[in-house]
């Protein structure tokens, strides 16, 4: 007989794919920043950890892994908020600081976008819906 997956588990599987997307996207977007800014590795590393935890949790689907994943989604909210703060801080860097840091070259310095870190926040909020005990459908023992 075919097993029907709960909506909670399907949302977690969708979030697992979201973490996979974030691994690739944040790596490609931060390639230039890795050498100058070590904090650029945080979203990539967190996405890899989130991908592993979400993948195992969606496969095993027991209370222990669901609770661990729940904390991972809470951390995703924090990573997203911190990313927005860091990107906003770079937006307000003065022109003198930019010239001192990057030289007086004619090449335009690319500023980090403000909204993409919110992908972590959205993924975290979406995942929290699936892992809250109030809406927990079924678990395997």
Protein backbone atom coordinates (compact mmCIF):
# COMPACT_ATOMS: atom_id res chain seq x y z
CA UNK A 1 0.00 0.00 0.00
CA UNK A 2 1.23 3.49 -0.85
CA UNK A 3 2.11 5.80 2.06
CA UNK A 4 0.61 9.28 1.91
CA UNK A 5 2.91 12.01 3.20
CA UNK A 6 1.53 14.65 5.55
CA UNK A 7 1.48 18.29 4.53
CA UNK A 8 4.10 18.96 7.23
CA UNK A 9 6.50 16.49 5.72
CA UNK A 10 5.89 17.81 2.22
CA UNK A 11 6.68 21.34 3.41
CA UNK A 12 9.92 20.08 4.98
CA UNK A 13 10.85 18.34 1.70
CA UNK A 14 10.17 21.63 -0.10
CA UNK A 15 12.37 23.44 2.46
CA UNK A 16 15.11 20.87 1.85
CA UNK A 17 15.07 21.87 -1.81
CA UNK A 18 15.13 25.50 -0.66
CA UNK A 19 18.33 24.84 1.29
CA UNK A 20 19.82 23.17 -1.80
CA UNK A 21 18.99 26.26 -3.85
CA UNK A 22 20.52 28.51 -1.18
CA UNK A 23 23.76 26.49 -1.14
CA UNK A 24 24.22 27.03 -4.86
CA UNK A 25 22.93 30.61 -4.96
CA UNK A 26 24.88 31.97 -1.99
CA UNK A 27 28.06 30.26 -3.16
CA UNK A 28 27.80 31.78 -6.63
CA UNK A 29 26.81 35.23 -5.34
CA UNK A 30 29.57 35.37 -2.73
CA UNK A 31 32.48 34.02 -4.82
CA UNK A 32 34.04 37.46 -5.18
CA UNK A 33 33.52 38.30 -1.50
CA UNK A 34 35.13 35.15 -0.05
CA UNK A 35 38.70 36.43 -0.29
CA UNK A 36 37.95 39.83 1.30
CA UNK A 37 35.12 39.05 3.70
CA UNK A 38 35.25 35.84 5.78
CA UNK A 39 31.65 36.42 6.96
CA UNK A 40 30.53 35.65 3.40
CA UNK A 41 31.04 31.95 4.19
CA UNK A 42 28.33 31.96 6.90
CA UNK A 43 25.28 31.66 4.61
CA UNK A 44 26.97 28.99 2.50
CA UNK A 45 27.99 26.90 5.53
CA UNK A 46 24.61 27.35 7.17
CA UNK A 47 22.85 26.27 3.97
CA UNK A 48 24.93 23.08 3.82
CA UNK A 49 24.14 22.28 7.46
CA UNK A 50 20.45 23.09 6.90
CA UNK A 51 20.39 20.91 3.80
CA UNK A 52 21.85 17.97 5.73
CA UNK A 53 19.51 18.35 8.71
CA UNK A 54 16.42 18.89 6.55
CA UNK A 55 17.31 15.94 4.33
CA UNK A 56 17.78 13.57 7.26
CA UNK A 57 14.70 14.91 9.05
CA UNK A 58 12.47 14.45 6.01
CA UNK A 59 13.78 10.91 5.51
CA UNK A 60 13.59 9.77 9.15
CA UNK A 61 10.65 11.97 10.24
CA UNK A 62 10.82 11.32 13.95
CA UNK A 63 10.43 13.69 16.89
CA UNK A 64 14.17 14.12 17.50
CA UNK A 65 14.99 15.19 13.95
CA UNK A 66 11.88 17.35 13.70
CA UNK A 67 12.89 19.27 16.86
CA UNK A 68 16.47 19.68 15.59
CA UNK A 69 15.13 20.94 12.27
CA UNK A 70 12.82 23.32 14.15
CA UNK A 71 15.88 24.92 15.79
CA UNK A 72 17.60 25.04 12.40
CA UNK A 73 14.67 27.03 11.02
CA UNK A 74 14.88 29.42 13.98
CA UNK A 75 18.58 29.86 13.17
CA UNK A 76 17.63 30.56 9.53
CA UNK A 77 15.59 33.54 10.74
CA UNK A 78 18.68 34.84 12.54
CA UNK A 79 20.99 34.23 9.55
CA UNK A 80 18.58 36.10 7.28
CA UNK A 81 18.27 39.05 9.67
CA UNK A 82 22.06 39.22 10.14
CA UNK A 83 22.56 39.09 6.37
CA UNK A 84 20.21 42.01 5.85
CA UNK A 85 22.06 44.00 8.55
CA UNK A 86 25.45 43.27 6.97
CA UNK A 87 24.24 44.13 3.47
CA UNK A 88 22.62 47.36 4.69
CA UNK A 89 25.83 48.35 6.50
CA UNK A 90 27.74 47.99 3.22
CA UNK A 91 25.18 50.24 1.48
CA UNK A 92 25.97 53.09 3.88
CA UNK A 93 29.74 52.86 3.60
CA UNK A 94 31.04 56.31 2.68
CA UNK A 95 32.59 57.10 -0.70
CA UNK A 96 35.94 57.84 0.96
CA UNK A 97 35.99 54.41 2.59
CA UNK A 98 35.19 52.76 -0.75
CA UNK A 99 37.99 54.63 -2.54
CA UNK A 100 40.44 53.80 0.28
CA UNK A 101 39.43 50.13 0.26
CA UNK A 102 39.19 49.51 -3.49
CA UNK A 103 41.52 52.15 -4.89
CA UNK A 104 40.72 54.95 -7.29
CA UNK A 105 40.05 52.63 -10.20
CA UNK A 106 37.37 53.30 -12.77
CA UNK A 107 35.78 49.91 -12.22
CA UNK A 108 32.53 50.38 -10.33
CA UNK A 109 32.34 48.54 -7.00
CA UNK A 110 29.30 46.28 -6.82
CA UNK A 111 27.30 46.83 -3.63
CA UNK A 112 25.59 43.83 -2.01
CA UNK A 113 21.83 43.66 -2.58
CA UNK A 114 19.67 44.20 0.49
CA UNK A 115 16.80 41.74 -0.06
CA UNK A 116 18.38 38.35 -0.97
CA UNK A 117 19.28 37.46 2.65
CA UNK A 118 15.55 37.50 3.34
CA UNK A 119 15.39 34.15 1.49
CA UNK A 120 16.78 32.61 4.68
CA UNK A 121 14.13 34.38 6.74
CA UNK A 122 11.34 33.21 4.46
CA UNK A 123 12.61 29.66 4.41
CA UNK A 124 12.90 29.70 8.20
CA UNK A 125 9.36 31.01 8.65
CA UNK A 126 7.96 28.49 6.18
CA UNK A 127 9.81 25.64 7.88
CA UNK A 128 8.64 26.70 11.33
CA UNK A 129 5.06 26.28 10.17
CA UNK A 130 5.80 22.66 9.29
CA UNK A 131 7.70 21.83 12.47
CA UNK A 132 5.57 23.46 15.15
CA UNK A 133 4.10 20.91 17.54
CA UNK A 134 0.68 22.52 17.27
CA UNK A 135 0.37 21.45 13.63
CA UNK A 136 2.40 18.25 13.74
CA UNK A 137 0.51 15.60 11.81
CA UNK A 138 2.24 12.26 12.11
CA UNK A 139 5.66 10.93 13.07
CA UNK A 140 7.36 7.62 12.57
CA UNK A 141 8.67 6.01 15.72
